[in-house]
């Protein structure tokens, strides 16, 4: 459980305090995994066993909480959420840990953050881009309408609806609606032509019932070293199934120390 892992901190490039946890052998190959929007490192990677599965293969798994999420700072000042702030935070974490030889992965918003880092020159040996598609990468700005409804209209959704479930999840993890609303302003489009210069071997992984399924195939095709795979589930449920960790483990293989 993530709450049994000590919380550690680093500073974003603007000085904001950001949290991360680690699991797996200290001398294992570093693997940074970035969670999705509304979520936390615990919910995305630890709760359902994905981090443990990868740690058992010898990876030193680094699990940051994005700004505005989890144990990281949740400032309410819009100035704390400039465009590409999440990619900036990713680079700050790599610098804090002194990582030069590592693997990098993310889910949904975390995956789009990974793509932004790759487009800006990050050089992991391998990348996992899960829970997103080409549309979410090249047209990231202004796609948060669904989440804005959830954040701005609590208590108004039909029981059992997608919005109702998202609101319930937000309450369960103690999300901060003000901070999360500002996080949406950090999104930056990555032009299609920029993807052609990303030569890192990348696994584009998506739930079979995810609305972005076909777009994920397009993303894999747009990346020079892209590889497409699907796992059971939709956008929310795919992270709860062991198949996600299995697919990532098969892509990465056992870590050399």
C-alpha atoms as a PDB file:
ATOM      1  CA  UNK A   1       0.000   0.000   0.000  1.00  0.00           C
ATOM      2  CA  UNK A   2       1.211   3.487  -0.829  1.00  0.00           C
ATOM      3  CA  UNK A   3       0.360   4.703   2.673  1.00  0.00           C
ATOM      4  CA  UNK A   4       2.970   2.251   3.952  1.00  0.00           C
ATOM      5  CA  UNK A   5       5.621   3.772   1.718  1.00  0.00           C
ATOM      6  CA  UNK A   6       7.349   6.874   3.069  1.00  0.00           C
ATOM      7  CA  UNK A   7       6.414  10.058   1.287  1.00  0.00           C
ATOM      8  CA  UNK A   8       9.381  11.941  -0.112  1.00  0.00           C
ATOM      9  CA  UNK A   9       9.428  15.395  -1.602  1.00  0.00           C
ATOM     10  CA  UNK A  10      11.119  17.419  -4.303  1.00  0.00           C
ATOM     11  CA  UNK A  11      10.674  20.900  -5.661  1.00  0.00           C
ATOM     12  CA  UNK A  12       9.113  21.749  -8.965  1.00  0.00           C
ATOM     13  CA  UNK A  13      10.949  24.267 -11.121  1.00  0.00           C
ATOM     14  CA  UNK A  14       8.824  27.010  -9.573  1.00  0.00           C
ATOM     15  CA  UNK A  15       9.490  25.807  -6.034  1.00  0.00           C
ATOM     16  CA  UNK A  16       6.157  24.035  -5.479  1.00  0.00           C
ATOM     17  CA  UNK A  17       6.532  21.049  -3.151  1.00  0.00           C
ATOM     18  CA  UNK A  18       5.757  17.776  -4.908  1.00  0.00           C
ATOM     19  CA  UNK A  19       5.476  14.285  -3.468  1.00  0.00           C
ATOM     20  CA  UNK A  20       6.669  10.880  -4.594  1.00  0.00           C
ATOM     21  CA  UNK A  21       7.061   7.382  -3.215  1.00  0.00           C
ATOM     22  CA  UNK A  22       9.274   4.519  -4.284  1.00  0.00           C
ATOM     23  CA  UNK A  23       9.013   0.758  -4.211  1.00  0.00           C
ATOM     24  CA  UNK A  24      11.208  -2.052  -5.429  1.00  0.00           C
ATOM     25  CA  UNK A  25      14.929  -2.706  -4.982  1.00  0.00           C
ATOM     26  CA  UNK A  26      17.014   0.397  -4.384  1.00  0.00           C
ATOM     27  CA  UNK A  27      19.541  -0.799  -6.952  1.00  0.00           C
ATOM     28  CA  UNK A  28      16.853  -1.767  -9.469  1.00  0.00           C
ATOM     29  CA  UNK A  29      16.364  -0.138 -12.833  1.00  0.00           C
ATOM     30  CA  UNK A  30      14.473   3.157 -12.359  1.00  0.00           C
ATOM     31  CA  UNK A  31      10.934   3.250 -13.712  1.00  0.00           C
ATOM     32  CA  UNK A  32       8.928   6.458 -13.287  1.00  0.00           C
ATOM     33  CA  UNK A  33       5.142   6.035 -13.513  1.00  0.00           C
ATOM     34  CA  UNK A  34       2.834   9.061 -13.689  1.00  0.00           C
ATOM     35  CA  UNK A  35      -0.826   8.741 -12.727  1.00  0.00           C
ATOM     36  CA  UNK A  36      -3.942  10.117 -14.399  1.00  0.00           C
ATOM     37  CA  UNK A  37      -6.173  13.123 -13.778  1.00  0.00           C
ATOM     38  CA  UNK A  38      -8.309  13.084 -10.595  1.00  0.00           C
ATOM     39  CA  UNK A  39      -6.223  10.118  -9.408  1.00  0.00           C
ATOM     40  CA  UNK A  40      -3.080   9.575  -7.340  1.00  0.00           C
ATOM     41  CA  UNK A  41      -0.030   7.348  -7.545  1.00  0.00           C
ATOM     42  CA  UNK A  42      -1.660   5.072  -4.988  1.00  0.00           C
ATOM     43  CA  UNK A  43      -4.936   4.670  -6.852  1.00  0.00           C
ATOM     44  CA  UNK A  44      -3.391   4.322 -10.294  1.00  0.00           C
ATOM     45  CA  UNK A  45      -0.366   2.135  -9.668  1.00  0.00           C
ATOM     46  CA  UNK A  46      -0.303   0.682  -6.153  1.00  0.00           C
ATOM     47  CA  UNK A  47      -3.829  -0.192  -5.092  1.00  0.00           C
ATOM     48  CA  UNK A  48      -4.356  -2.806  -7.806  1.00  0.00           C
ATOM     49  CA  UNK A  49      -0.866  -4.272  -7.759  1.00  0.00           C
ATOM     50  CA  UNK A  50       0.779  -2.817 -10.854  1.00  0.00           C
ATOM     51  CA  UNK A  51       3.683  -1.220  -8.989  1.00  0.00           C
ATOM     52  CA  UNK A  52       4.263  -4.368  -6.943  1.00  0.00           C
ATOM     53  CA  UNK A  53       4.284  -6.493 -10.091  1.00  0.00           C
ATOM     54  CA  UNK A  54       6.971  -4.331 -11.656  1.00  0.00           C
ATOM     55  CA  UNK A  55       8.986  -4.070  -8.431  1.00  0.00           C
ATOM     56  CA  UNK A  56       9.033  -7.867  -8.281  1.00  0.00           C
ATOM     57  CA  UNK A  57      10.708  -7.866 -11.693  1.00  0.00           C
ATOM     58  CA  UNK A  58      13.536  -5.789 -10.267  1.00  0.00           C
ATOM     59  CA  UNK A  59      12.385  -2.259 -11.072  1.00  0.00           C
ATOM     60  CA  UNK A  60      12.903   0.639  -8.686  1.00  0.00           C
ATOM     61  CA  UNK A  61       9.476   2.166  -9.245  1.00  0.00           C
ATOM     62  CA  UNK A  62       9.126   5.905  -8.673  1.00  0.00           C
ATOM     63  CA  UNK A  63       5.562   7.119  -8.165  1.00  0.00           C
ATOM     64  CA  UNK A  64       5.026  10.885  -8.133  1.00  0.00           C
ATOM     65  CA  UNK A  65       1.778  12.653  -7.294  1.00  0.00           C
ATOM     66  CA  UNK A  66       1.111  15.331  -9.885  1.00  0.00           C
ATOM     67  CA  UNK A  67       0.757  18.891  -8.644  1.00  0.00           C
ATOM     68  CA  UNK A  68      -2.794  19.488  -7.526  1.00  0.00           C
ATOM     69  CA  UNK A  69      -3.159  15.798  -6.663  1.00  0.00           C
ATOM     70  CA  UNK A  70      -2.517  13.438  -3.766  1.00  0.00           C
ATOM     71  CA  UNK A  71       0.229  14.441  -1.352  1.00  0.00           C
ATOM     72  CA  UNK A  72       1.659  17.106  -3.660  1.00  0.00           C
ATOM     73  CA  UNK A  73       0.916  20.784  -3.141  1.00  0.00           C
ATOM     74  CA  UNK A  74      -2.510  21.951  -4.264  1.00  0.00           C
ATOM     75  CA  UNK A  75      -2.144  25.702  -4.686  1.00  0.00           C
ATOM     76  CA  UNK A  76      -5.263  27.652  -5.591  1.00  0.00           C
ATOM     77  CA  UNK A  77      -3.358  30.393  -7.406  1.00  0.00           C
ATOM     78  CA  UNK A  78      -3.835  29.948 -11.175  1.00  0.00           C
ATOM     79  CA  UNK A  79      -0.246  31.163 -11.650  1.00  0.00           C
ATOM     80  CA  UNK A  80       0.932  27.840 -10.201  1.00  0.00           C
ATOM     81  CA  UNK A  81      -0.442  26.013 -13.247  1.00  0.00           C
ATOM     82  CA  UNK A  82       1.278  27.423 -16.346  1.00  0.00           C
ATOM     83  CA  UNK A  83       1.221  25.524 -19.641  1.00  0.00           C
ATOM     84  CA  UNK A  84       3.369  22.381 -19.562  1.00  0.00           C
ATOM     85  CA  UNK A  85       3.851  22.602 -15.786  1.00  0.00           C
ATOM     86  CA  UNK A  86       3.387  18.841 -15.431  1.00  0.00           C
ATOM     87  CA  UNK A  87       6.167  18.080 -17.906  1.00  0.00           C
ATOM     88  CA  UNK A  88       8.342  20.631 -16.096  1.00  0.00           C
ATOM     89  CA  UNK A  89       7.648  18.747 -12.866  1.00  0.00           C
ATOM     90  CA  UNK A  90       8.610  15.491 -14.547  1.00  0.00           C
ATOM     91  CA  UNK A  91      11.954  16.927 -15.574  1.00  0.00           C
ATOM     92  CA  UNK A  92      12.441  18.310 -12.065  1.00  0.00           C
ATOM     93  CA  UNK A  93      11.895  14.827 -10.627  1.00  0.00           C
ATOM     94  CA  UNK A  94      14.433  13.290 -13.016  1.00  0.00           C
ATOM     95  CA  UNK A  95      16.942  15.965 -12.006  1.00  0.00           C
ATOM     96  CA  UNK A  96      16.192  15.499  -8.300  1.00  0.00           C
ATOM     97  CA  UNK A  97      16.858  11.776  -8.568  1.00  0.00           C
ATOM     98  CA  UNK A  98      19.788  12.188 -10.949  1.00  0.00           C
ATOM     99  CA  UNK A  99      18.232   9.824 -13.480  1.00  0.00           C
ATOM    100  CA  UNK A 100      19.842   9.467 -16.887  1.00  0.00           C
ATOM    101  CA  UNK A 101      19.143   5.787 -17.614  1.00  0.00           C
ATOM    102  CA  UNK A 102      15.512   5.019 -16.800  1.00  0.00           C
ATOM    103  CA  UNK A 103      12.120   4.009 -18.190  1.00  0.00           C
ATOM    104  CA  UNK A 104       9.077   6.277 -18.134  1.00  0.00           C
ATOM    105  CA  UNK A 105       5.361   5.615 -18.209  1.00  0.00           C
ATOM    106  CA  UNK A 106       2.011   7.220 -17.583  1.00  0.00           C
ATOM    107  CA  UNK A 107      -1.738   6.709 -17.709  1.00  0.00           C
ATOM    108  CA  UNK A 108      -4.212   9.164 -19.261  1.00  0.00           C
ATOM    109  CA  UNK A 109      -3.050  12.638 -18.141  1.00  0.00           C
ATOM    110  CA  UNK A 110       0.150  10.944 -17.020  1.00  0.00           C
ATOM    111  CA  UNK A 111       0.590   9.475 -20.500  1.00  0.00           C
ATOM    112  CA  UNK A 112       0.086  12.859 -22.115  1.00  0.00           C
ATOM    113  CA  UNK A 113       2.699  14.201 -19.695  1.00  0.00           C
ATOM    114  CA  UNK A 114       5.062  11.464 -20.853  1.00  0.00           C
ATOM    115  CA  UNK A 115       4.502  12.473 -24.480  1.00  0.00           C
ATOM    116  CA  UNK A 116       5.176  16.102 -23.634  1.00  0.00           C
ATOM    117  CA  UNK A 117       8.423  15.109 -21.939  1.00  0.00           C
ATOM    118  CA  UNK A 118       9.452  13.000 -24.929  1.00  0.00           C
ATOM    119  CA  UNK A 119       8.620  15.830 -27.329  1.00  0.00           C
ATOM    120  CA  UNK A 120      10.779  18.160 -25.235  1.00  0.00           C
ATOM    121  CA  UNK A 121      13.795  15.886 -25.238  1.00  0.00           C
ATOM    122  CA  UNK A 122      13.387  13.339 -22.444  1.00  0.00           C
ATOM    123  CA  UNK A 123      15.428  10.229 -23.239  1.00  0.00           C
ATOM    124  CA  UNK A 124      14.101   7.198 -21.375  1.00  0.00           C
ATOM    125  CA  UNK A 125      15.144   3.849 -22.769  1.00  0.00           C
ATOM    126  CA  UNK A 126      11.464   2.882 -23.118  1.00  0.00           C
ATOM    127  CA  UNK A 127       8.117   4.571 -22.606  1.00  0.00           C
ATOM    128  CA  UNK A 128       4.613   3.432 -21.711  1.00  0.00           C
ATOM    129  CA  UNK A 129       1.810   5.650 -23.008  1.00  0.00           C
ATOM    130  CA  UNK A 130      -1.408   4.203 -21.578  1.00  0.00           C
ATOM    131  CA  UNK A 131      -5.009   5.349 -21.502  1.00  0.00           C
ATOM    132  CA  UNK A 132      -4.804   7.998 -24.207  1.00  0.00           C
ATOM    133  CA  UNK A 133      -4.862   8.328 -27.959  1.00  0.00           C
ATOM    134  CA  UNK A 134      -3.659  10.581 -30.735  1.00  0.00           C
ATOM    135  CA  UNK A 135      -6.582  12.992 -30.309  1.00  0.00           C
ATOM    136  CA  UNK A 136      -5.739  13.560 -26.657  1.00  0.00           C
ATOM    137  CA  UNK A 137      -2.128  14.340 -27.535  1.00  0.00           C
ATOM    138  CA  UNK A 138      -2.446  16.610 -30.564  1.00  0.00           C
ATOM    139  CA  UNK A 139      -5.625  18.313 -29.309  1.00  0.00           C
ATOM    140  CA  UNK A 140      -5.082  18.364 -25.554  1.00  0.00           C
ATOM    141  CA  UNK A 141      -6.104  21.975 -24.938  1.00  0.00           C
ATOM    142  CA  UNK A 142      -9.764  22.511 -24.158  1.00  0.00           C
ATOM    143  CA  UNK A 143     -10.700  18.822 -23.801  1.00  0.00           C
ATOM    144  CA  UNK A 144     -11.634  19.057 -20.126  1.00  0.00           C
ATOM    145  CA  UNK A 145     -15.332  19.832 -20.511  1.00  0.00           C
ATOM    146  CA  UNK A 146     -16.448  16.553 -18.957  1.00  0.00           C
ATOM    147  CA  UNK A 147     -14.283  17.089 -15.882  1.00  0.00           C
ATOM    148  CA  UNK A 148     -15.329  20.718 -15.563  1.00  0.00           C
ATOM    149  CA  UNK A 149     -18.958  19.562 -15.331  1.00  0.00           C
ATOM    150  CA  UNK A 150     -17.998  17.153 -12.569  1.00  0.00           C
ATOM    151  CA  UNK A 151     -16.030  19.811 -10.695  1.00  0.00           C
ATOM    152  CA  UNK A 152     -18.530  22.630 -11.137  1.00  0.00           C
ATOM    153  CA  UNK A 153     -21.845  20.825 -10.616  1.00  0.00           C
ATOM    154  CA  UNK A 154     -21.485  18.471  -7.650  1.00  0.00           C
ATOM    155  CA  UNK A 155     -24.571  16.673  -6.468  1.00  0.00           C
ATOM    156  CA  UNK A 156     -26.484  17.155  -9.714  1.00  0.00           C
ATOM    157  CA  UNK A 157     -25.714  13.945 -11.580  1.00  0.00           C
ATOM    158  CA  UNK A 158     -27.969  10.950 -12.029  1.00  0.00           C
ATOM    159  CA  UNK A 159     -26.986   8.101  -9.764  1.00  0.00           C
ATOM    160  CA  UNK A 160     -24.924   5.551 -11.670  1.00  0.00           C
ATOM    161  CA  UNK A 161     -23.961   7.952 -14.471  1.00  0.00           C
ATOM    162  CA  UNK A 162     -20.350   8.419 -15.510  1.00  0.00           C
ATOM    163  CA  UNK A 163     -20.285  11.870 -13.945  1.00  0.00           C
ATOM    164  CA  UNK A 164     -21.787  10.532 -10.715  1.00  0.00           C
ATOM    165  CA  UNK A 165     -19.075   7.865 -10.522  1.00  0.00           C
ATOM    166  CA  UNK A 166     -16.353  10.430 -11.230  1.00  0.00           C
ATOM    167  CA  UNK A 167     -17.697  12.707  -8.489  1.00  0.00           C
ATOM    168  CA  UNK A 168     -17.819   9.778  -6.063  1.00  0.00           C
ATOM    169  CA  UNK A 169     -14.228   8.870  -6.922  1.00  0.00           C
ATOM    170  CA  UNK A 170     -13.133  12.463  -6.371  1.00  0.00           C
ATOM    171  CA  UNK A 171     -14.728  12.462  -2.918  1.00  0.00           C
ATOM    172  CA  UNK A 172     -13.189   9.088  -2.058  1.00  0.00           C
ATOM    173  CA  UNK A 173      -9.640  10.253  -2.733  1.00  0.00           C
ATOM    174  CA  UNK A 174     -10.166  13.700  -1.215  1.00  0.00           C
ATOM    175  CA  UNK A 175      -9.505  15.619  -4.422  1.00  0.00           C
ATOM    176  CA  UNK A 176      -9.353  19.409  -4.371  1.00  0.00           C
ATOM    177  CA  UNK A 177     -11.787  20.752  -7.010  1.00  0.00           C
ATOM    178  CA  UNK A 178     -10.153  24.192  -7.172  1.00  0.00           C
ATOM    179  CA  UNK A 179      -6.659  22.838  -7.736  1.00  0.00           C
ATOM    180  CA  UNK A 180      -7.867  20.184 -10.165  1.00  0.00           C
ATOM    181  CA  UNK A 181      -9.684  22.782 -12.228  1.00  0.00           C
ATOM    182  CA  UNK A 182      -6.438  24.733 -12.584  1.00  0.00           C
ATOM    183  CA  UNK A 183      -4.542  21.575 -13.616  1.00  0.00           C
ATOM    184  CA  UNK A 184      -6.515  21.566 -16.859  1.00  0.00           C
ATOM    185  CA  UNK A 185      -4.833  24.849 -17.814  1.00  0.00           C
ATOM    186  CA  UNK A 186      -1.443  23.113 -17.944  1.00  0.00           C
ATOM    187  CA  UNK A 187      -2.324  21.132 -21.060  1.00  0.00           C
ATOM    188  CA  UNK A 188      -0.346  21.743 -24.257  1.00  0.00           C
ATOM    189  CA  UNK A 189      -0.931  20.350 -27.739  1.00  0.00           C
ATOM    190  CA  UNK A 190       1.826  18.219 -29.255  1.00  0.00           C
ATOM    191  CA  UNK A 191       1.807  18.650 -33.049  1.00  0.00           C
ATOM    192  CA  UNK A 192       1.591  15.487 -35.102  1.00  0.00           C
ATOM    193  CA  UNK A 193       4.862  16.311 -36.829  1.00  0.00           C
ATOM    194  CA  UNK A 194       6.629  16.435 -33.461  1.00  0.00           C
ATOM    195  CA  UNK A 195       5.711  12.817 -32.782  1.00  0.00           C
ATOM    196  CA  UNK A 196       7.780  11.746 -35.791  1.00  0.00           C
ATOM    197  CA  UNK A 197      10.936  12.789 -33.938  1.00  0.00           C
ATOM    198  CA  UNK A 198      10.216  10.651 -30.854  1.00  0.00           C
ATOM    199  CA  UNK A 199      12.331   7.556 -31.462  1.00  0.00           C
ATOM    200  CA  UNK A 200      11.951   5.979 -28.034  1.00  0.00           C
ATOM    201  CA  UNK A 201      10.378   2.493 -28.114  1.00  0.00           C
ATOM    202  CA  UNK A 202       6.871   3.166 -26.808  1.00  0.00           C
ATOM    203  CA  UNK A 203       4.027   0.901 -25.770  1.00  0.00           C
ATOM    204  CA  UNK A 204       0.659   2.522 -26.442  1.00  0.00           C
ATOM    205  CA  UNK A 205      -1.680   0.641 -24.128  1.00  0.00           C
ATOM    206  CA  UNK A 206      -5.459   1.065 -23.965  1.00  0.00           C
ATOM    207  CA  UNK A 207      -8.552  -0.574 -22.533  1.00  0.00           C
ATOM    208  CA  UNK A 208     -10.568  -2.536 -25.099  1.00  0.00           C
ATOM    209  CA  UNK A 209     -13.687  -0.529 -24.178  1.00  0.00           C
ATOM    210  CA  UNK A 210     -11.915   2.819 -23.801  1.00  0.00           C
ATOM    211  CA  UNK A 211     -13.439   5.515 -25.998  1.00  0.00           C
ATOM    212  CA  UNK A 212      -9.914   6.372 -27.148  1.00  0.00           C
ATOM    213  CA  UNK A 213      -9.255   2.821 -28.381  1.00  0.00           C
ATOM    214  CA  UNK A 214      -9.067   3.597 -32.096  1.00  0.00           C
ATOM    215  CA  UNK A 215      -7.241   6.861 -31.448  1.00  0.00           C
ATOM    216  CA  UNK A 216      -4.646   4.913 -29.462  1.00  0.00           C
ATOM    217  CA  UNK A 217      -3.977   2.790 -32.548  1.00  0.00           C
ATOM    218  CA  UNK A 218      -3.368   6.021 -34.460  1.00  0.00           C
ATOM    219  CA  UNK A 219      -0.980   7.232 -31.771  1.00  0.00           C
ATOM    220  CA  UNK A 220       1.020   4.019 -31.935  1.00  0.00           C
ATOM    221  CA  UNK A 221       1.228   4.382 -35.720  1.00  0.00           C
ATOM    222  CA  UNK A 222       2.372   8.015 -35.397  1.00  0.00           C
ATOM    223  CA  UNK A 223       5.294   7.127 -33.129  1.00  0.00           C
ATOM    224  CA  UNK A 224       8.298   5.769 -35.054  1.00  0.00           C
ATOM    225  CA  UNK A 225       8.865   3.040 -32.443  1.00  0.00           C
ATOM    226  CA  UNK A 226       5.258   2.762 -31.305  1.00  0.00           C
ATOM    227  CA  UNK A 227       3.680  -0.556 -30.399  1.00  0.00           C
ATOM    228  CA  UNK A 228      -0.039  -1.006 -29.766  1.00  0.00           C
ATOM    229  CA  UNK A 229      -1.619  -3.294 -27.164  1.00  0.00           C
ATOM    230  CA  UNK A 230      -5.011  -3.499 -25.492  1.00  0.00           C
ATOM    231  CA  UNK A 231      -6.151  -4.774 -22.115  1.00  0.00           C
ATOM    232  CA  UNK A 232      -9.639  -5.530 -20.780  1.00  0.00           C
ATOM    233  CA  UNK A 233     -11.734  -2.686 -19.441  1.00  0.00           C
ATOM    234  CA  UNK A 234     -12.740   0.888 -20.155  1.00  0.00           C
ATOM    235  CA  UNK A 235     -10.846   4.041 -19.262  1.00  0.00           C
ATOM    236  CA  UNK A 236     -11.613   3.796 -15.552  1.00  0.00           C
ATOM    237  CA  UNK A 237     -11.639   0.041 -15.043  1.00  0.00           C
ATOM    238  CA  UNK A 238      -8.508  -0.881 -17.015  1.00  0.00           C
ATOM    239  CA  UNK A 239      -6.260   0.267 -14.168  1.00  0.00           C
ATOM    240  CA  UNK A 240      -8.066  -2.017 -11.727  1.00  0.00           C
ATOM    241  CA  UNK A 241      -7.240  -5.219 -13.614  1.00  0.00           C
ATOM    242  CA  UNK A 242      -3.996  -7.210 -13.428  1.00  0.00           C
ATOM    243  CA  UNK A 243      -3.778  -7.213 -17.225  1.00  0.00           C
ATOM    244  CA  UNK A 244      -2.429  -3.650 -17.189  1.00  0.00           C
ATOM    245  CA  UNK A 245       0.594  -4.620 -15.102  1.00  0.00           C
ATOM    246  CA  UNK A 246       1.051  -7.803 -17.126  1.00  0.00           C
ATOM    247  CA  UNK A 247       1.163  -5.889 -20.409  1.00  0.00           C
ATOM    248  CA  UNK A 248       3.656  -3.368 -19.038  1.00  0.00           C
ATOM    249  CA  UNK A 249       5.780  -6.162 -17.568  1.00  0.00           C
ATOM    250  CA  UNK A 250       5.815  -8.024 -20.895  1.00  0.00           C
ATOM    251  CA  UNK A 251       6.935  -4.861 -22.667  1.00  0.00           C
ATOM    252  CA  UNK A 252       9.677  -3.999 -20.195  1.00  0.00           C
ATOM    253  CA  UNK A 253      10.833  -7.512 -19.295  1.00  0.00           C
ATOM    254  CA  UNK A 254      12.841  -8.351 -16.216  1.00  0.00           C
ATOM    255  CA  UNK A 255      15.039  -5.502 -15.070  1.00  0.00           C
ATOM    256  CA  UNK A 256      18.780  -5.851 -15.135  1.00  0.00           C
ATOM    257  CA  UNK A 257      20.413  -4.492 -12.005  1.00  0.00           C
END
